[in-house]
C-alpha atoms as a PDB file:
ATOM      1  CA  UNK A   1      53.960  -5.926  56.467  1.00  0.00           C
ATOM      2  CA  UNK A   2      53.135  -9.230  54.928  1.00  0.00           C
ATOM      3  CA  UNK A   3      54.699  -8.902  51.451  1.00  0.00           C
ATOM      4  CA  UNK A   4      51.303  -9.971  49.660  1.00  0.00           C
ATOM      5  CA  UNK A   5      50.608  -5.903  50.048  1.00  0.00           C
ATOM      6  CA  UNK A   6      52.323  -5.374  47.445  1.00  0.00           C
ATOM      7  CA  UNK A   7      50.290  -6.676  44.873  1.00  0.00           C
ATOM      8  CA  UNK A   8      48.282  -3.664  46.069  1.00  0.00           C
ATOM      9  CA  UNK A   9      49.582  -0.030  43.904  1.00  0.00           C
ATOM     10  CA  UNK A  10      49.588   2.275  46.790  1.00  0.00           C
ATOM     11  CA  UNK A  11      52.249  -0.354  49.587  1.00  0.00           C
ATOM     12  CA  UNK A  12      53.816  -1.486  45.980  1.00  0.00           C
ATOM     13  CA  UNK A  13      54.928   2.522  44.843  1.00  0.00           C
ATOM     14  CA  UNK A  14      56.003   3.301  48.348  1.00  0.00           C
ATOM     15  CA  UNK A  15      58.217  -0.304  48.551  1.00  0.00           C
ATOM     16  CA  UNK A  16      59.813   1.138  45.099  1.00  0.00           C
ATOM     17  CA  UNK A  17      60.946   4.497  46.202  1.00  0.00           C
ATOM     18  CA  UNK A  18      62.369   2.347  49.235  1.00  0.00           C
ATOM     19  CA  UNK A  19      63.679  -0.177  46.535  1.00  0.00           C
ATOM     20  CA  UNK A  20      63.250   1.654  43.017  1.00  0.00           C
ATOM     21  CA  UNK A  21      65.152  -1.568  41.439  1.00  0.00           C
ATOM     22  CA  UNK A  22      63.233  -3.989  43.548  1.00  0.00           C
ATOM     23  CA  UNK A  23      60.807  -7.166  41.606  1.00  0.00           C
ATOM     24  CA  UNK A  24      57.841  -8.981  43.282  1.00  0.00           C
ATOM     25  CA  UNK A  25      58.139 -12.521  41.411  1.00  0.00           C
ATOM     26  CA  UNK A  26      55.424 -15.690  42.439  1.00  0.00           C
ATOM     27  CA  UNK A  27      56.651 -18.819  41.922  1.00  0.00           C
ATOM     28  CA  UNK A  28      55.320 -22.225  42.529  1.00  0.00           C
ATOM     29  CA  UNK A  29      57.555 -25.585  43.851  1.00  0.00           C
ATOM     30  CA  UNK A  30      57.583 -28.203  42.351  1.00  0.00           C
ATOM     31  CA  UNK A  31      54.931 -29.698  44.930  1.00  0.00           C
ATOM     32  CA  UNK A  32      51.848 -26.745  43.985  1.00  0.00           C
ATOM     33  CA  UNK A  33      53.241 -24.772  46.982  1.00  0.00           C
ATOM     34  CA  UNK A  34      52.658 -20.784  46.255  1.00  0.00           C
ATOM     35  CA  UNK A  35      56.469 -18.974  46.273  1.00  0.00           C
ATOM     36  CA  UNK A  36      56.399 -15.696  46.589  1.00  0.00           C
ATOM     37  CA  UNK A  37      60.327 -13.414  46.379  1.00  0.00           C
ATOM     38  CA  UNK A  38      61.669  -9.762  46.183  1.00  0.00           C
ATOM     39  CA  UNK A  39      64.844  -9.765  44.212  1.00  0.00           C
ATOM     40  CA  UNK A  40      66.810  -6.877  43.814  1.00  0.00           C
ATOM     41  CA  UNK A  41      69.770  -7.171  41.151  1.00  0.00           C
ATOM     42  CA  UNK A  42      71.649  -4.296  40.633  1.00  0.00           C
ATOM     43  CA  UNK A  43      71.980  -4.714  45.032  1.00  0.00           C
ATOM     44  CA  UNK A  44      71.790  -8.798  44.179  1.00  0.00           C
ATOM     45  CA  UNK A  45      69.722  -8.874  47.397  1.00  0.00           C
ATOM     46  CA  UNK A  46      66.411 -10.583  47.463  1.00  0.00           C
ATOM     47  CA  UNK A  47      63.838 -11.485  50.344  1.00  0.00           C
ATOM     48  CA  UNK A  48      62.111 -14.341  50.282  1.00  0.00           C
ATOM     49  CA  UNK A  49      58.727 -14.829  52.158  1.00  0.00           C
ATOM     50  CA  UNK A  50      57.256 -18.334  53.806  1.00  0.00           C
ATOM     51  CA  UNK A  51      54.167 -18.694  54.584  1.00  0.00           C
ATOM     52  CA  UNK A  52      53.209 -20.758  58.137  1.00  0.00           C
ATOM     53  CA  UNK A  53      50.047 -20.902  60.502  1.00  0.00           C
ATOM     54  CA  UNK A  54      52.100 -17.528  62.593  1.00  0.00           C
ATOM     55  CA  UNK A  55      51.714 -15.441  58.911  1.00  0.00           C
ATOM     56  CA  UNK A  56      55.107 -14.957  57.099  1.00  0.00           C
ATOM     57  CA  UNK A  57      58.795 -15.681  57.562  1.00  0.00           C
ATOM     58  CA  UNK A  58      61.437 -13.985  55.620  1.00  0.00           C
ATOM     59  CA  UNK A  59      64.041 -15.220  54.581  1.00  0.00           C
ATOM     60  CA  UNK A  60      66.979 -12.413  53.494  1.00  0.00           C
ATOM     61  CA  UNK A  61      70.199 -13.221  50.960  1.00  0.00           C
ATOM     62  CA  UNK A  62      73.309 -10.177  49.668  1.00  0.00           C
ATOM     63  CA  UNK A  63      74.775  -7.483  51.137  1.00  0.00           C
ATOM     64  CA  UNK A  64      71.301  -5.620  52.114  1.00  0.00           C
ATOM     65  CA  UNK A  65      68.352  -6.440  54.067  1.00  0.00           C
ATOM     66  CA  UNK A  66      66.029  -5.950  51.091  1.00  0.00           C
ATOM     67  CA  UNK A  67      62.956  -6.637  53.190  1.00  0.00           C
ATOM     68  CA  UNK A  68      64.079  -4.364  56.412  1.00  0.00           C
ATOM     69  CA  UNK A  69      63.978  -1.729  53.716  1.00  0.00           C
ATOM     70  CA  UNK A  70      60.718  -2.085  52.072  1.00  0.00           C
ATOM     71  CA  UNK A  71      59.209  -2.140  55.364  1.00  0.00           C
END
């Protein structure tokens, strides 16, 4: 599943059922590259998404595999 699906209401609603305290965050790097993250401060976990030519690479950190739970 592409993380950009979380910008649509139904996938976002379903993701909130799996990770109620998680939040999607958009940012930009200093060179303007778009960055996309899901943070869950209650569970001290995150997922970082990097878009490449093949799709998305996900890097997760913290005690919970947050993106695995959402997917």
